Amino acid sequence: MNKPDLSELDAFACVARHRSFKKAALECGVSASALSHAMRTLETRLDVRLLNRTTRSVTPTEAGEQLLQRLAPALREISDALDQINDFRDAPRGTLRLNVPRPAARLLLAPLFARFLAAYPQIRLEVVTDDGLVDIVAGGFDAGIRFGESLAQDMVALPLGPPVRLIVVASPMYAARRGLPQQPQELKQHACVGRRFPSGAVYAWEFSQGGASLAVAVDGPLLLDDDDLILRAALDGIGLAYVYEAQAQESIEQGRLLRVLDAWCPPMSGFFLYYPSRRQMPVSLRLFIAMLRDSGYQ
């Protein structure tokens, strides 16, 4: 016996329930003749007569009645399950999971949390901060944020906000004690607060000016992996630090930090939001992207 598909069984249940091809056809959105043909195909496939037909009526046979009684609750369960899935597609609910580096979480996303959750109270936003490179698909994330050069080629990527600038800063107390470098190469004679990536590699500070680029492997008494701690170390006069300009801006305006080698610190490519596919995007992610755009981040 060839097993029937779900559409054939659903059509049979509709005809048996209405006891009319015409009424069932209206509900199914097909012609009565097409429905009659589908029922003949089903009976042939099962090798059992399911419906007694006359010119005036359609009634289930004993086998048809028994099949209808078993099918009806199962079809209702399937319909309810599909309706529940539709809620995830059409209504703003469920969990949105994002994997982002800590600077992006602080500078880009944190200002949006309250507004997004107030607008969509049935969405649960889960943000995992991770400065390492992560396979968001394997990790069960809906989207991630990274710099453009870190993105896999098969990802859909949307730029977020303006270009990002990393700058060298020092406290006035450090400048008074040690002076300030005038060229990137002079950093080797200074105490610098180092940055270690999750991979274990220590970051070499990158500079460019007038088409010339270089990376300096700095050294110093402190090695950290957190931007807030690096900024705090600079404020405490421990050494020079390489930080996000937006993170240090308030301290610079207050005179608590000084810009160093500013001409060697041009803007670079900013952050990108990325996700696996444009098809079947979760409605929560679509709404989050829309809020990013409304906030001027795209």
C-alpha atoms as a PDB file:
ATOM      1  CA  MET A   1       0.000   0.000   0.000  1.00  0.00           C
ATOM      2  CA  ASN A   2       1.295   3.440  -0.914  1.00  0.00           C
ATOM      3  CA  LYS A   3       0.948   5.755   2.056  1.00  0.00           C
ATOM      4  CA  PRO A   4      -1.284   8.803   1.420  1.00  0.00           C
ATOM      5  CA  ASP A   5       0.037  12.283   2.085  1.00  0.00           C
ATOM      6  CA  LEU A   6      -1.397  14.659   4.674  1.00  0.00           C
ATOM      7  CA  SER A   7      -3.263  16.801   2.126  1.00  0.00           C
ATOM      8  CA  GLU A   8      -5.224  13.769   0.894  1.00  0.00           C
ATOM      9  CA  LEU A   9      -6.219  12.783   4.412  1.00  0.00           C
ATOM     10  CA  ASP A  10      -7.201  16.339   5.247  1.00  0.00           C
ATOM     11  CA  ALA A  11      -9.347  16.511   2.107  1.00  0.00           C
ATOM     12  CA  PHE A  12     -11.027  13.207   2.970  1.00  0.00           C
ATOM     13  CA  ALA A  13     -11.829  14.424   6.494  1.00  0.00           C
ATOM     14  CA  CYS A  14     -13.345  17.589   5.054  1.00  0.00           C
ATOM     15  CA  VAL A  15     -15.587  15.671   2.619  1.00  0.00           C
ATOM     16  CA  ALA A  16     -16.637  13.131   5.262  1.00  0.00           C
ATOM     17  CA  ARG A  17     -17.417  15.878   7.743  1.00  0.00           C
ATOM     18  CA  HIS A  18     -19.525  17.943   5.314  1.00  0.00           C
ATOM     19  CA  ARG A  19     -20.922  14.907   3.478  1.00  0.00           C
ATOM     20  CA  SER A  20     -20.773  17.043   0.381  1.00  0.00           C
ATOM     21  CA  PHE A  21     -18.103  17.542  -2.276  1.00  0.00           C
ATOM     22  CA  LYS A  22     -19.412  21.032  -2.996  1.00  0.00           C
ATOM     23  CA  LYS A  23     -19.228  22.276   0.602  1.00  0.00           C
ATOM     24  CA  ALA A  24     -15.880  20.595   1.176  1.00  0.00           C
ATOM     25  CA  ALA A  25     -14.525  22.124  -2.033  1.00  0.00           C
ATOM     26  CA  LEU A  26     -15.456  25.605  -0.791  1.00  0.00           C
ATOM     27  CA  GLU A  27     -13.587  25.023   2.473  1.00  0.00           C
ATOM     28  CA  CYS A  28     -10.530  23.527   0.741  1.00  0.00           C
ATOM     29  CA  GLY A  29     -10.445  26.166  -1.985  1.00  0.00           C
ATOM     30  CA  VAL A  30     -10.572  23.690  -4.890  1.00  0.00           C
ATOM     31  CA  SER A  31     -13.196  22.525  -7.353  1.00  0.00           C
ATOM     32  CA  ALA A  32     -15.637  19.738  -6.476  1.00  0.00           C
ATOM     33  CA  SER A  33     -14.398  17.678  -9.415  1.00  0.00           C
ATOM     34  CA  ALA A  34     -10.767  17.999  -8.267  1.00  0.00           C
ATOM     35  CA  LEU A  35     -11.789  16.909  -4.793  1.00  0.00           C
ATOM     36  CA  SER A  36     -13.712  13.929  -6.168  1.00  0.00           C
ATOM     37  CA  HIS A  37     -10.693  12.907  -8.209  1.00  0.00           C
ATOM     38  CA  ALA A  38      -8.455  13.212  -5.127  1.00  0.00           C
ATOM     39  CA  MET A  39     -10.802  10.915  -3.175  1.00  0.00           C
ATOM     40  CA  ARG A  40     -10.724   8.277  -5.917  1.00  0.00           C
ATOM     41  CA  THR A  41      -6.934   8.467  -5.890  1.00  0.00           C
ATOM     42  CA  LEU A  42      -6.898   8.030  -2.120  1.00  0.00           C
ATOM     43  CA  GLU A  43      -9.204   5.036  -2.238  1.00  0.00           C
ATOM     44  CA  THR A  44      -7.072   3.467  -4.943  1.00  0.00           C
ATOM     45  CA  ARG A  45      -3.941   4.097  -2.907  1.00  0.00           C
ATOM     46  CA  LEU A  46      -5.480   2.493   0.194  1.00  0.00           C
ATOM     47  CA  ASP A  47      -7.396  -0.156  -1.797  1.00  0.00           C
ATOM     48  CA  VAL A  48     -10.434   0.555   0.410  1.00  0.00           C
ATOM     49  CA  ARG A  49     -13.694   2.384  -0.370  1.00  0.00           C
ATOM     50  CA  LEU A  50     -14.021   5.290   2.036  1.00  0.00           C
ATOM     51  CA  LEU A  51     -17.077   7.109   0.645  1.00  0.00           C
ATOM     52  CA  ASN A  52     -20.441   6.016  -0.701  1.00  0.00           C
ATOM     53  CA  ARG A  53     -21.481   8.371  -3.467  1.00  0.00           C
ATOM     54  CA  THR A  54     -24.873   8.948  -5.045  1.00  0.00           C
ATOM     55  CA  THR A  55     -26.119  11.818  -7.158  1.00  0.00           C
ATOM     56  CA  ARG A  56     -27.671  13.302  -4.007  1.00  0.00           C
ATOM     57  CA  SER A  57     -25.346  12.447  -1.136  1.00  0.00           C
ATOM     58  CA  VAL A  58     -21.894  11.461   0.034  1.00  0.00           C
ATOM     59  CA  THR A  59     -21.541   9.356   3.188  1.00  0.00           C
ATOM     60  CA  PRO A  60     -18.557   7.617   4.747  1.00  0.00           C
ATOM     61  CA  THR A  61     -18.410   3.854   4.549  1.00  0.00           C
ATOM     62  CA  GLU A  62     -17.770   1.910   7.746  1.00  0.00           C
ATOM     63  CA  ALA A  63     -14.060   2.032   6.973  1.00  0.00           C
ATOM     64  CA  GLY A  64     -14.324   5.725   6.161  1.00  0.00           C
ATOM     65  CA  GLU A  65     -16.168   6.485   9.386  1.00  0.00           C
ATOM     66  CA  GLN A  66     -13.550   4.651  11.420  1.00  0.00           C
ATOM     67  CA  LEU A  67     -10.741   6.491   9.629  1.00  0.00           C
ATOM     68  CA  LEU A  68     -12.472   9.852  10.207  1.00  0.00           C
ATOM     69  CA  GLN A  69     -12.793   9.212  13.946  1.00  0.00           C
ATOM     70  CA  ARG A  70      -9.077   8.515  14.223  1.00  0.00           C
ATOM     71  CA  LEU A  71      -8.025  11.308  11.863  1.00  0.00           C
ATOM     72  CA  ALA A  72     -10.110  14.171  13.293  1.00  0.00           C
ATOM     73  CA  PRO A  73      -8.214  14.641  16.590  1.00  0.00           C
ATOM     74  CA  ALA A  74      -4.852  14.083  14.886  1.00  0.00           C
ATOM     75  CA  LEU A  75      -5.606  16.706  12.245  1.00  0.00           C
ATOM     76  CA  ARG A  76      -6.699  19.155  14.963  1.00  0.00           C
ATOM     77  CA  GLU A  77      -3.381  18.586  16.756  1.00  0.00           C
ATOM     78  CA  ILE A  78      -1.461  19.251  13.562  1.00  0.00           C
ATOM     79  CA  SER A  79      -3.487  22.401  12.888  1.00  0.00           C
ATOM     80  CA  ASP A  80      -2.881  23.677  16.429  1.00  0.00           C
ATOM     81  CA  ALA A  81       0.836  22.938  16.127  1.00  0.00           C
ATOM     82  CA  LEU A  82       1.068  24.878  12.870  1.00  0.00           C
ATOM     83  CA  ASP A  83      -0.860  27.781  14.388  1.00  0.00           C
ATOM     84  CA  GLN A  84       1.620  27.849  17.244  1.00  0.00           C
ATOM     85  CA  ILE A  85       4.519  27.935  14.794  1.00  0.00           C
ATOM     86  CA  ASN A  86       2.802  30.787  12.947  1.00  0.00           C
ATOM     87  CA  ASP A  87       2.977  32.804  16.170  1.00  0.00           C
ATOM     88  CA  PHE A  88       6.771  32.725  15.914  1.00  0.00           C
ATOM     89  CA  ARG A  89       6.599  33.915  12.305  1.00  0.00           C
ATOM     90  CA  ASP A  90       3.909  36.555  12.601  1.00  0.00           C
ATOM     91  CA  ALA A  91       3.993  37.765  16.205  1.00  0.00           C
ATOM     92  CA  PRO A  92       6.888  39.325  18.130  1.00  0.00           C
ATOM     93  CA  ARG A  93       7.559  36.607  20.693  1.00  0.00           C
ATOM     94  CA  GLY A  94      10.157  34.026  21.595  1.00  0.00           C
ATOM     95  CA  THR A  95      13.859  34.360  22.373  1.00  0.00           C
ATOM     96  CA  LEU A  96      16.347  36.367  20.302  1.00  0.00           C
ATOM     97  CA  ARG A  97      19.917  35.158  20.945  1.00  0.00           C
ATOM     98  CA  LEU A  98      22.839  37.388  19.939  1.00  0.00           C
ATOM     99  CA  ASN A  99      26.579  36.797  20.240  1.00  0.00           C
ATOM    100  CA  VAL A 100      28.562  40.037  20.315  1.00  0.00           C
ATOM    101  CA  PRO A 101      31.955  41.341  21.413  1.00  0.00           C
ATOM    102  CA  ARG A 102      31.857  43.287  24.662  1.00  0.00           C
ATOM    103  CA  PRO A 103      32.626  46.700  23.095  1.00  0.00           C
ATOM    104  CA  ALA A 104      29.727  46.328  20.650  1.00  0.00           C
ATOM    105  CA  ALA A 105      27.412  45.299  23.480  1.00  0.00           C
ATOM    106  CA  ARG A 106      28.356  48.369  25.505  1.00  0.00           C
ATOM    107  CA  LEU A 107      28.559  50.957  22.736  1.00  0.00           C
ATOM    108  CA  LEU A 108      25.834  49.807  20.315  1.00  0.00           C
ATOM    109  CA  LEU A 109      23.338  47.487  21.957  1.00  0.00           C
ATOM    110  CA  ALA A 110      23.037  48.501  25.608  1.00  0.00           C
ATOM    111  CA  PRO A 111      21.351  51.847  24.767  1.00  0.00           C
ATOM    112  CA  LEU A 112      18.630  49.912  22.874  1.00  0.00           C
ATOM    113  CA  PHE A 113      17.785  47.207  25.415  1.00  0.00           C
ATOM    114  CA  ALA A 114      15.109  49.082  27.371  1.00  0.00           C
ATOM    115  CA  ARG A 115      13.378  50.514  24.300  1.00  0.00           C
ATOM    116  CA  PHE A 116      13.334  47.199  22.426  1.00  0.00           C
ATOM    117  CA  LEU A 117      11.975  45.195  25.358  1.00  0.00           C
ATOM    118  CA  ALA A 118       9.369  47.839  26.142  1.00  0.00           C
ATOM    119  CA  ALA A 119       8.184  47.757  22.524  1.00  0.00           C
ATOM    120  CA  TYR A 120       8.077  43.949  22.379  1.00  0.00           C
ATOM    121  CA  PRO A 121       7.421  42.610  25.894  1.00  0.00           C
ATOM    122  CA  GLN A 122       6.905  39.017  24.687  1.00  0.00           C
ATOM    123  CA  ILE A 123      10.439  38.821  23.271  1.00  0.00           C
ATOM    124  CA  ARG A 124      13.221  37.566  25.522  1.00  0.00           C
ATOM    125  CA  LEU A 125      16.565  39.053  24.502  1.00  0.00           C
ATOM    126  CA  GLU A 126      19.646  36.989  25.317  1.00  0.00           C
ATOM    127  CA  VAL A 127      22.996  38.657  24.620  1.00  0.00           C
ATOM    128  CA  VAL A 128      26.180  36.641  25.093  1.00  0.00           C
ATOM    129  CA  THR A 129      29.289  38.823  25.141  1.00  0.00           C
ATOM    130  CA  ASP A 130      32.278  37.043  23.657  1.00  0.00           C
ATOM    131  CA  ASP A 131      35.332  38.651  22.079  1.00  0.00           C
ATOM    132  CA  GLY A 132      36.376  35.419  20.368  1.00  0.00           C
ATOM    133  CA  LEU A 133      35.316  34.173  16.946  1.00  0.00           C
ATOM    134  CA  VAL A 134      32.169  32.079  17.346  1.00  0.00           C
ATOM    135  CA  ASP A 135      30.201  29.805  15.027  1.00  0.00           C
ATOM    136  CA  ILE A 136      26.791  31.344  15.672  1.00  0.00           C
ATOM    137  CA  VAL A 137      24.947  28.510  13.905  1.00  0.00           C
ATOM    138  CA  ALA A 138      26.586  25.799  15.991  1.00  0.00           C
ATOM    139  CA  GLY A 139      26.093  27.919  19.109  1.00  0.00           C
ATOM    140  CA  GLY A 140      22.364  28.323  18.505  1.00  0.00           C
ATOM    141  CA  PHE A 141      22.479  32.093  17.999  1.00  0.00           C
ATOM    142  CA  ASP A 142      20.148  34.023  15.698  1.00  0.00           C
ATOM    143  CA  ALA A 143      22.805  36.615  14.832  1.00  0.00           C
ATOM    144  CA  GLY A 144      26.169  37.993  15.872  1.00  0.00           C
ATOM    145  CA  ILE A 145      28.221  41.166  15.675  1.00  0.00           C
ATOM    146  CA  ARG A 146      31.856  41.318  14.583  1.00  0.00           C
ATOM    147  CA  PHE A 147      34.252  43.453  12.576  1.00  0.00           C
ATOM    148  CA  GLY A 148      33.902  42.991   8.810  1.00  0.00           C
ATOM    149  CA  GLU A 149      37.211  41.186   8.316  1.00  0.00           C
ATOM    150  CA  SER A 150      36.153  38.507  10.811  1.00  0.00           C
ATOM    151  CA  LEU A 151      32.983  37.451   8.977  1.00  0.00           C
ATOM    152  CA  ALA A 152      32.538  34.172   7.126  1.00  0.00           C
ATOM    153  CA  GLN A 153      31.757  34.524   3.426  1.00  0.00           C
ATOM    154  CA  ASP A 154      28.429  32.694   3.637  1.00  0.00           C
ATOM    155  CA  MET A 155      26.905  35.151   6.116  1.00  0.00           C
ATOM    156  CA  VAL A 156      24.520  38.009   5.433  1.00  0.00           C
ATOM    157  CA  ALA A 157      26.234  41.098   6.895  1.00  0.00           C
ATOM    158  CA  LEU A 158      24.744  44.512   7.671  1.00  0.00           C
ATOM    159  CA  PRO A 159      26.974  47.453   8.674  1.00  0.00           C
ATOM    160  CA  LEU A 160      26.215  48.943  12.082  1.00  0.00           C
ATOM    161  CA  GLY A 161      26.872  52.583  12.763  1.00  0.00           C
ATOM    162  CA  PRO A 162      29.746  54.749  11.590  1.00  0.00           C
ATOM    163  CA  PRO A 163      33.369  53.623  11.266  1.00  0.00           C
ATOM    164  CA  VAL A 164      35.044  52.752  14.570  1.00  0.00           C
ATOM    165  CA  ARG A 165      38.188  54.465  15.827  1.00  0.00           C
ATOM    166  CA  LEU A 166      40.752  53.040  18.241  1.00  0.00           C
ATOM    167  CA  ILE A 167      43.014  55.615  19.873  1.00  0.00           C
ATOM    168  CA  VAL A 168      45.997  55.728  22.225  1.00  0.00           C
ATOM    169  CA  VAL A 169      45.383  57.523  25.521  1.00  0.00           C
ATOM    170  CA  ALA A 170      47.361  58.355  28.621  1.00  0.00           C
ATOM    171  CA  SER A 171      46.583  60.056  31.898  1.00  0.00           C
ATOM    172  CA  PRO A 172      48.110  63.478  32.674  1.00  0.00           C
ATOM    173  CA  MET A 173      49.995  61.876  35.599  1.00  0.00           C
ATOM    174  CA  TYR A 174      51.615  59.361  33.232  1.00  0.00           C
ATOM    175  CA  ALA A 175      52.497  62.123  30.762  1.00  0.00           C
ATOM    176  CA  ALA A 176      54.108  64.153  33.543  1.00  0.00           C
ATOM    177  CA  ARG A 177      56.098  61.160  34.745  1.00  0.00           C
ATOM    178  CA  ARG A 178      57.201  59.574  31.457  1.00  0.00           C
ATOM    179  CA  GLY A 179      56.427  62.011  28.661  1.00  0.00           C
ATOM    180  CA  LEU A 180      54.489  60.978  25.534  1.00  0.00           C
ATOM    181  CA  PRO A 181      55.640  59.268  22.329  1.00  0.00           C
ATOM    182  CA  GLN A 182      55.641  61.257  19.092  1.00  0.00           C
ATOM    183  CA  GLN A 183      55.946  58.254  16.769  1.00  0.00           C
ATOM    184  CA  PRO A 184      54.455  54.754  17.091  1.00  0.00           C
ATOM    185  CA  GLN A 185      57.925  53.176  17.265  1.00  0.00           C
ATOM    186  CA  GLU A 186      58.585  55.107  20.494  1.00  0.00           C
ATOM    187  CA  LEU A 187      55.900  53.032  22.238  1.00  0.00           C
ATOM    188  CA  LYS A 188      58.555  50.388  22.851  1.00  0.00           C
ATOM    189  CA  GLN A 189      60.161  52.752  25.388  1.00  0.00           C
ATOM    190  CA  HIS A 190      56.869  53.234  27.248  1.00  0.00           C
ATOM    191  CA  ALA A 191      54.726  51.268  29.668  1.00  0.00           C
ATOM    192  CA  CYS A 192      51.698  50.064  27.731  1.00  0.00           C
ATOM    193  CA  VAL A 193      48.597  48.243  28.899  1.00  0.00           C
ATOM    194  CA  GLY A 194      48.459  45.167  26.703  1.00  0.00           C
ATOM    195  CA  ARG A 195      45.410  43.402  25.305  1.00  0.00           C
ATOM    196  CA  ARG A 196      45.118  39.624  25.067  1.00  0.00           C
ATOM    197  CA  PHE A 197      42.564  38.040  22.716  1.00  0.00           C
ATOM    198  CA  PRO A 198      40.491  34.991  23.731  1.00  0.00           C
ATOM    199  CA  SER A 199      42.703  32.950  21.389  1.00  0.00           C
ATOM    200  CA  GLY A 200      45.658  33.747  23.628  1.00  0.00           C
ATOM    201  CA  ALA A 201      47.367  36.073  21.135  1.00  0.00           C
ATOM    202  CA  VAL A 202      48.541  39.463  22.381  1.00  0.00           C
ATOM    203  CA  TYR A 203      47.358  42.353  20.203  1.00  0.00           C
ATOM    204  CA  ALA A 204      49.979  44.394  18.340  1.00  0.00           C
ATOM    205  CA  TRP A 205      48.757  48.001  18.173  1.00  0.00           C
ATOM    206  CA  GLU A 206      47.971  48.997  14.579  1.00  0.00           C
ATOM    207  CA  PHE A 207      48.627  52.436  13.076  1.00  0.00           C
ATOM    208  CA  SER A 208      48.491  54.121   9.686  1.00  0.00           C
ATOM    209  CA  GLN A 209      49.244  57.539   8.254  1.00  0.00           C
ATOM    210  CA  GLY A 210      49.661  58.783   4.697  1.00  0.00           C
ATOM    211  CA  GLY A 211      49.476  55.303   3.239  1.00  0.00           C
ATOM    212  CA  ALA A 212      52.024  53.875   5.665  1.00  0.00           C
ATOM    213  CA  SER A 213      50.883  51.181   8.070  1.00  0.00           C
ATOM    214  CA  LEU A 214      52.619  49.418  10.907  1.00  0.00           C
ATOM    215  CA  ALA A 215      51.924  47.256  13.931  1.00  0.00           C
ATOM    216  CA  VAL A 216      53.819  47.697  17.185  1.00  0.00           C
ATOM    217  CA  ALA A 217      54.235  44.859  19.679  1.00  0.00           C
ATOM    218  CA  VAL A 218      53.989  46.904  22.876  1.00  0.00           C
ATOM    219  CA  ASP A 219      55.118  45.856  26.337  1.00  0.00           C
ATOM    220  CA  GLY A 220      54.221  46.909  29.853  1.00  0.00           C
ATOM    221  CA  PRO A 221      53.393  45.863  33.405  1.00  0.00           C
ATOM    222  CA  LEU A 222      49.768  44.900  32.771  1.00  0.00           C
ATOM    223  CA  LEU A 223      48.043  42.579  30.281  1.00  0.00           C
ATOM    224  CA  LEU A 224      44.214  42.520  30.201  1.00  0.00           C
ATOM    225  CA  ASP A 225      41.336  41.178  28.129  1.00  0.00           C
ATOM    226  CA  ASP A 226      38.591  43.617  29.157  1.00  0.00           C
ATOM    227  CA  ASP A 227      38.042  47.110  27.717  1.00  0.00           C
ATOM    228  CA  ASP A 228      36.732  48.619  30.940  1.00  0.00           C
ATOM    229  CA  LEU A 229      39.754  47.381  32.845  1.00  0.00           C
ATOM    230  CA  ILE A 230      42.123  48.679  30.160  1.00  0.00           C
ATOM    231  CA  LEU A 231      40.503  52.117  30.327  1.00  0.00           C
ATOM    232  CA  ARG A 232      40.666  52.095  34.127  1.00  0.00           C
ATOM    233  CA  ALA A 233      44.374  51.225  33.990  1.00  0.00           C
ATOM    234  CA  ALA A 234      45.011  54.223  31.738  1.00  0.00           C
ATOM    235  CA  LEU A 235      43.040  56.518  34.056  1.00  0.00           C
ATOM    236  CA  ASP A 236      45.103  55.253  36.998  1.00  0.00           C
ATOM    237  CA  GLY A 237      48.331  56.172  35.205  1.00  0.00           C
ATOM    238  CA  ILE A 238      49.615  52.616  34.836  1.00  0.00           C
ATOM    239  CA  GLY A 239      50.496  53.136  31.210  1.00  0.00           C
ATOM    240  CA  LEU A 240      49.384  54.046  27.698  1.00  0.00           C
ATOM    241  CA  ALA A 241      46.276  52.242  26.471  1.00  0.00           C
ATOM    242  CA  TYR A 242      44.740  51.510  23.086  1.00  0.00           C
ATOM    243  CA  VAL A 243      40.960  51.888  23.459  1.00  0.00           C
ATOM    244  CA  TYR A 244      37.778  52.658  21.573  1.00  0.00           C
ATOM    245  CA  GLU A 245      37.440  56.409  21.114  1.00  0.00           C
ATOM    246  CA  ALA A 246      33.748  56.368  22.087  1.00  0.00           C
ATOM    247  CA  GLN A 247      34.631  54.618  25.327  1.00  0.00           C
ATOM    248  CA  ALA A 248      37.275  57.187  26.269  1.00  0.00           C
ATOM    249  CA  GLN A 249      35.545  60.322  24.948  1.00  0.00           C
ATOM    250  CA  GLU A 250      34.003  61.454  28.249  1.00  0.00           C
ATOM    251  CA  SER A 251      37.285  61.070  30.120  1.00  0.00           C
ATOM    252  CA  ILE A 252      39.099  63.020  27.389  1.00  0.00           C
ATOM    253  CA  GLU A 253      36.577  65.859  27.596  1.00  0.00           C
ATOM    254  CA  GLN A 254      36.984  65.924  31.386  1.00  0.00           C
ATOM    255  CA  GLY A 255      40.765  66.182  31.035  1.00  0.00           C
ATOM    256  CA  ARG A 256      41.337  62.848  32.749  1.00  0.00           C
ATOM    257  CA  LEU A 257      42.897  61.349  29.593  1.00  0.00           C
ATOM    258  CA  LEU A 258      45.078  62.749  26.819  1.00  0.00           C
ATOM    259  CA  ARG A 259      45.117  61.710  23.169  1.00  0.00           C
ATOM    260  CA  VAL A 260      48.423  60.252  22.004  1.00  0.00           C
ATOM    261  CA  LEU A 261      49.593  59.670  18.400  1.00  0.00           C
ATOM    262  CA  ASP A 262      46.203  60.913  17.229  1.00  0.00           C
ATOM    263  CA  ALA A 263      47.294  61.455  13.617  1.00  0.00           C
ATOM    264  CA  TRP A 264      48.255  57.771  13.422  1.00  0.00           C
ATOM    265  CA  CYS A 265      44.777  56.553  14.469  1.00  0.00           C
ATOM    266  CA  PRO A 266      42.381  56.876  11.509  1.00  0.00           C
ATOM    267  CA  PRO A 267      38.850  55.406  11.542  1.00  0.00           C
ATOM    268  CA  MET A 268      38.496  51.800  10.466  1.00  0.00           C
ATOM    269  CA  SER A 269      35.670  49.566   9.317  1.00  0.00           C
ATOM    270  CA  GLY A 270      32.963  49.377  11.958  1.00  0.00           C
ATOM    271  CA  PHE A 271      30.912  46.523  13.341  1.00  0.00           C
ATOM    272  CA  PHE A 272      28.616  44.311  11.290  1.00  0.00           C
ATOM    273  CA  LEU A 273      25.502  42.436  12.325  1.00  0.00           C
ATOM    274  CA  TYR A 274      25.566  39.040  10.612  1.00  0.00           C
ATOM    275  CA  TYR A 275      23.256  36.035  10.351  1.00  0.00           C
ATOM    276  CA  PRO A 276      23.079  32.859   8.244  1.00  0.00           C
ATOM    277  CA  SER A 277      20.279  33.546   5.754  1.00  0.00           C
ATOM    278  CA  ARG A 278      17.675  36.041   4.617  1.00  0.00           C
ATOM    279  CA  ARG A 279      15.133  33.205   4.328  1.00  0.00           C
ATOM    280  CA  GLN A 280      12.779  32.536   7.228  1.00  0.00           C
ATOM    281  CA  MET A 281      14.321  35.212   9.424  1.00  0.00           C
ATOM    282  CA  PRO A 282      12.854  35.139  12.971  1.00  0.00           C
ATOM    283  CA  VAL A 283      10.429  38.004  13.419  1.00  0.00           C
ATOM    284  CA  SER A 284      12.294  39.032  16.601  1.00  0.00           C
ATOM    285  CA  LEU A 285      15.516  39.500  14.606  1.00  0.00           C
ATOM    286  CA  ARG A 286      13.698  41.411  11.882  1.00  0.00           C
ATOM    287  CA  LEU A 287      12.261  43.785  14.497  1.00  0.00           C
ATOM    288  CA  PHE A 288      15.653  44.206  16.168  1.00  0.00           C
ATOM    289  CA  ILE A 289      17.255  45.112  12.838  1.00  0.00           C
ATOM    290  CA  ALA A 290      14.455  47.612  12.198  1.00  0.00           C
ATOM    291  CA  MET A 291      15.128  49.274  15.556  1.00  0.00           C
ATOM    292  CA  LEU A 292      18.854  49.452  14.780  1.00  0.00           C
ATOM    293  CA  ARG A 293      17.999  51.232  11.533  1.00  0.00           C
ATOM    294  CA  ASP A 294      15.567  53.606  13.247  1.00  0.00           C
ATOM    295  CA  SER A 295      18.301  54.454  15.748  1.00  0.00           C
ATOM    296  CA  GLY A 296      20.685  55.457  12.955  1.00  0.00           C
ATOM    297  CA  TYR A 297      22.965  52.439  13.271  1.00  0.00           C
ATOM    298  CA  GLN A 298      22.487  51.462   9.591  1.00  0.00           C
END
